[in-house]
C-alpha atoms as a PDB file:
ATOM      1  CA  MET A   1     -26.249   0.399  -4.523  1.00  0.00           C
ATOM      2  CA  ALA A   2     -25.985   2.010  -1.306  1.00  0.00           C
ATOM      3  CA  LYS A   3     -23.356   3.957   0.008  1.00  0.00           C
ATOM      4  CA  GLN A   4     -21.227   1.492   2.421  1.00  0.00           C
ATOM      5  CA  THR A   5     -20.345   2.842   5.880  1.00  0.00           C
ATOM      6  CA  ILE A   6     -16.673   1.613   7.350  1.00  0.00           C
ATOM      7  CA  ASP A   7     -19.501  -0.589   9.618  1.00  0.00           C
ATOM      8  CA  ASP A   8     -20.890  -2.112   7.006  1.00  0.00           C
ATOM      9  CA  ARG A   9     -17.533  -2.721   6.038  1.00  0.00           C
ATOM     10  CA  LEU A  10     -16.408  -3.835   9.011  1.00  0.00           C
ATOM     11  CA  ALA A  11     -18.714  -6.429   9.733  1.00  0.00           C
ATOM     12  CA  ARG A  12     -18.561  -8.491   6.382  1.00  0.00           C
ATOM     13  CA  LEU A  13     -14.838  -8.830   7.640  1.00  0.00           C
ATOM     14  CA  GLN A  14     -16.346  -9.926  10.927  1.00  0.00           C
ATOM     15  CA  ASP A  15     -17.776 -12.813   9.286  1.00  0.00           C
ATOM     16  CA  GLY A  16     -14.336 -13.205   6.994  1.00  0.00           C
ATOM     17  CA  ARG A  17     -16.059 -11.953   3.737  1.00  0.00           C
ATOM     18  CA  CYS A  18     -14.653  -9.362   1.438  1.00  0.00           C
ATOM     19  CA  PRO A  19     -15.344  -6.107   3.211  1.00  0.00           C
ATOM     20  CA  ILE A  20     -16.481  -4.432  -0.441  1.00  0.00           C
ATOM     21  CA  HIS A  21     -18.174  -6.971  -2.631  1.00  0.00           C
ATOM     22  CA  GLY A  22     -19.550  -9.443   1.080  1.00  0.00           C
ATOM     23  CA  ARG A  23     -18.715 -12.251  -1.240  1.00  0.00           C
ATOM     24  CA  ALA A  24     -16.484 -15.121   1.519  1.00  0.00           C
ATOM     25  CA  MET A  25     -12.649 -14.672   1.028  1.00  0.00           C
ATOM     26  CA  THR A  26     -10.268 -17.505   0.785  1.00  0.00           C
ATOM     27  CA  GLN A  27      -7.233 -18.916   1.535  1.00  0.00           C
ATOM     28  CA  VAL A  28      -4.429 -18.542  -0.431  1.00  0.00           C
ATOM     29  CA  ALA A  29      -1.927 -18.754   1.714  1.00  0.00           C
ATOM     30  CA  PRO A  30      -0.556 -22.101   4.237  1.00  0.00           C
ATOM     31  CA  TRP A  31      -1.015 -21.551   7.519  1.00  0.00           C
ATOM     32  CA  ARG A  32       1.906 -20.349   9.653  1.00  0.00           C
ATOM     33  CA  ILE A  33       2.702 -18.848  13.568  1.00  0.00           C
ATOM     34  CA  GLU A  34       2.720 -15.438  13.738  1.00  0.00           C
ATOM     35  CA  LYS A  35       3.077 -13.934  17.316  1.00  0.00           C
ATOM     36  CA  GLY A  36       2.521 -17.325  19.043  1.00  0.00           C
ATOM     37  CA  ARG A  37      -0.584 -17.532  17.395  1.00  0.00           C
ATOM     38  CA  PRO A  38      -2.052 -19.092  13.766  1.00  0.00           C
ATOM     39  CA  VAL A  39      -2.641 -16.701  11.094  1.00  0.00           C
ATOM     40  CA  THR A  40      -3.280 -17.338   7.699  1.00  0.00           C
ATOM     41  CA  ILE A  41      -4.206 -15.098   4.152  1.00  0.00           C
ATOM     42  CA  ALA A  42      -7.378 -15.104   2.636  1.00  0.00           C
ATOM     43  CA  ALA A  43      -8.573 -12.936  -0.652  1.00  0.00           C
ATOM     44  CA  CYS A  44     -11.586 -12.350  -2.274  1.00  0.00           C
ATOM     45  CA  SER A  45     -11.588 -12.660  -5.460  1.00  0.00           C
ATOM     46  CA  CYS A  46     -11.129  -8.833  -6.485  1.00  0.00           C
ATOM     47  CA  GLY A  47      -7.887  -8.970  -4.905  1.00  0.00           C
ATOM     48  CA  ILE A  48      -8.257  -7.334  -1.669  1.00  0.00           C
ATOM     49  CA  ALA A  49      -6.364  -9.943   1.021  1.00  0.00           C
ATOM     50  CA  ALA A  50      -7.084  -9.748   4.759  1.00  0.00           C
ATOM     51  CA  LYS A  51      -5.230 -12.042   7.627  1.00  0.00           C
ATOM     52  CA  GLU A  52      -7.419 -14.609   9.323  1.00  0.00           C
ATOM     53  CA  TYR A  53      -6.884 -16.069  12.990  1.00  0.00           C
ATOM     54  CA  GLU A  54      -9.134 -18.906  12.421  1.00  0.00           C
ATOM     55  CA  PRO A  55     -11.038 -20.717   9.653  1.00  0.00           C
ATOM     56  CA  PHE A  56     -14.115 -18.529   8.627  1.00  0.00           C
ATOM     57  CA  GLY A  57     -13.159 -16.023  11.028  1.00  0.00           C
ATOM     58  CA  PRO A  58     -12.981 -12.280  11.723  1.00  0.00           C
ATOM     59  CA  ALA A  59     -10.236 -10.971   9.128  1.00  0.00           C
ATOM     60  CA  GLU A  60      -7.818  -8.209   9.608  1.00  0.00           C
ATOM     61  CA  LEU A  61      -7.315  -6.350   6.077  1.00  0.00           C
ATOM     62  CA  VAL A  62      -3.787  -6.847   5.439  1.00  0.00           C
ATOM     63  CA  LEU A  63      -1.234  -3.038   5.168  1.00  0.00           C
ATOM     64  CA  ALA A  64      -2.304  -2.268   1.558  1.00  0.00           C
ATOM     65  CA  PHE A  65      -6.331  -2.859   1.516  1.00  0.00           C
ATOM     66  CA  ARG A  66      -6.566  -0.861   5.295  1.00  0.00           C
ATOM     67  CA  HIS A  67      -7.397   2.375   4.013  1.00  0.00           C
ATOM     68  CA  LEU A  68     -11.077   0.889   2.937  1.00  0.00           C
ATOM     69  CA  ILE A  69     -11.916   0.677   6.816  1.00  0.00           C
ATOM     70  CA  SER A  70      -9.962   4.039   7.901  1.00  0.00           C
ATOM     71  CA  PRO A  71      -9.324   6.133   5.211  1.00  0.00           C
ATOM     72  CA  ALA A  72      -8.405   9.633   7.017  1.00  0.00           C
ATOM     73  CA  ARG A  73      -5.255   6.564   8.904  1.00  0.00           C
ATOM     74  CA  PHE A  74      -3.825   5.462   5.890  1.00  0.00           C
ATOM     75  CA  ALA A  75      -5.134   7.343   3.059  1.00  0.00           C
ATOM     76  CA  ARG A  76      -2.911   7.084   0.106  1.00  0.00           C
ATOM     77  CA  LYS A  77      -0.402  10.055  -0.483  1.00  0.00           C
ATOM     78  CA  ALA A  78      -0.339  12.077  -3.546  1.00  0.00           C
ATOM     79  CA  VAL A  79       2.920  12.199  -5.490  1.00  0.00           C
ATOM     80  CA  ALA A  80       3.602  15.439  -6.888  1.00  0.00           C
END
């Protein structure tokens, strides 16, 4: 498998797919209102989770997985 770029992962998220595997993410939480708009949580079978604001729409990774699209900004700190 070729090395994935950040752009590859972002393109998958725009389609509501797992940024790593490209599989469709399924809804795992009920719809609710957040900041005046509907939102739900969708996840891949691998456990990667994201917020979706419309069915099958663009997804935004939850904080725990944002390092997958911006490694430098969300890098996990090493524990000494």
